[in-house]
Amino acid sequence: MIVCVCNNISDREIRQAVDLGLSSMAELRENLGVATCCGKCESYAEEVLDAHVESTTRITELSFRATQAA
């Protein structure tokens, strides 16, 4: 789904950016241009960002614990 209409940025692109290491709205603005024009997308873009950062963190933590236990 398109999150930022002004810059044609999708939720998939935001998740990919998180996978590549971005973790803040400031980084999304700088690297993708999210919320740099009208700003109406900012709250939803932040929701997508936060949800994916959180899900990625959980997966990493579980993997780390499994590695330590082995």
Protein backbone atom coordinates (compact mmCIF):
# COMPACT_ATOMS: atom_id res chain seq x y z
CA MET A 1 0.00 0.00 0.00
CA ILE A 2 1.23 3.50 -0.76
CA VAL A 3 2.00 5.34 2.48
CA CYS A 4 3.52 8.54 1.12
CA VAL A 5 1.58 9.66 -1.95
CA CYS A 6 3.79 12.71 -2.58
CA ASN A 7 6.92 10.56 -2.95
CA ASN A 8 5.23 7.27 -3.95
CA ILE A 9 6.64 5.31 -1.00
CA SER A 10 4.96 2.04 -0.02
CA ASP A 11 4.78 0.19 3.27
CA ARG A 12 6.94 -2.51 1.68
CA GLU A 13 9.68 0.04 0.96
CA ILE A 14 9.55 1.23 4.58
CA ARG A 15 9.89 -2.37 5.83
CA GLN A 16 12.79 -2.97 3.44
CA ALA A 17 14.49 0.18 4.74
CA VAL A 18 14.14 -1.15 8.30
CA ASP A 19 15.66 -4.45 7.17
CA LEU A 20 18.59 -2.46 5.82
CA GLY A 21 19.13 -0.72 9.18
CA LEU A 22 16.92 2.37 9.28
CA SER A 23 15.10 2.74 12.59
CA SER A 24 13.75 6.28 12.91
CA MET A 25 11.48 8.72 11.10
CA ALA A 26 14.45 11.04 10.65
CA GLU A 27 16.26 8.30 8.73
CA LEU A 28 13.15 7.57 6.63
CA ARG A 29 12.85 11.27 5.79
CA GLU A 30 16.51 11.53 4.84
CA ASN A 31 16.74 8.30 2.84
CA LEU A 32 13.27 7.86 1.32
CA GLY A 33 11.74 11.32 1.51
CA VAL A 34 8.80 10.12 3.63
CA ALA A 35 6.78 13.00 5.13
CA THR A 36 8.88 15.70 3.48
CA CYS A 37 6.12 17.32 1.41
CA CYS A 38 2.62 17.58 2.85
CA GLY A 39 3.33 15.48 5.98
CA LYS A 40 -0.06 13.72 6.02
CA CYS A 41 1.63 10.32 5.86
CA GLU A 42 3.85 10.82 8.89
CA SER A 43 1.70 9.10 11.51
CA TYR A 44 1.02 6.00 9.40
CA ALA A 45 4.62 5.81 8.19
CA GLU A 46 5.73 5.88 11.83
CA GLU A 47 3.26 3.07 12.66
CA VAL A 48 4.67 0.91 9.85
CA LEU A 49 8.23 1.72 10.93
CA ASP A 50 7.64 1.00 14.63
CA ALA A 51 5.75 -2.24 13.98
CA HIS A 52 8.48 -3.59 11.72
CA VAL A 53 11.31 -2.49 14.01
CA GLU A 54 9.53 -4.24 16.89
CA SER A 55 8.91 -7.46 14.94
CA THR A 56 12.50 -7.51 13.68
CA THR A 57 13.82 -6.98 17.22
CA ARG A 58 11.77 -9.88 18.57
CA ILE A 59 13.07 -12.23 15.89
CA THR A 60 16.65 -11.19 16.56
CA GLU A 61 16.22 -11.64 20.32
CA LEU A 62 14.78 -15.13 19.92
CA SER A 63 17.58 -16.11 17.54
CA PHE A 64 20.17 -14.73 19.95
CA ARG A 65 18.74 -16.68 22.88
CA ALA A 66 18.66 -19.90 20.88
CA THR A 67 22.30 -19.41 19.89
CA GLN A 68 23.35 -18.80 23.51
CA ALA A 69 21.50 -21.89 24.76
CA ALA A 70 23.21 -24.16 22.22
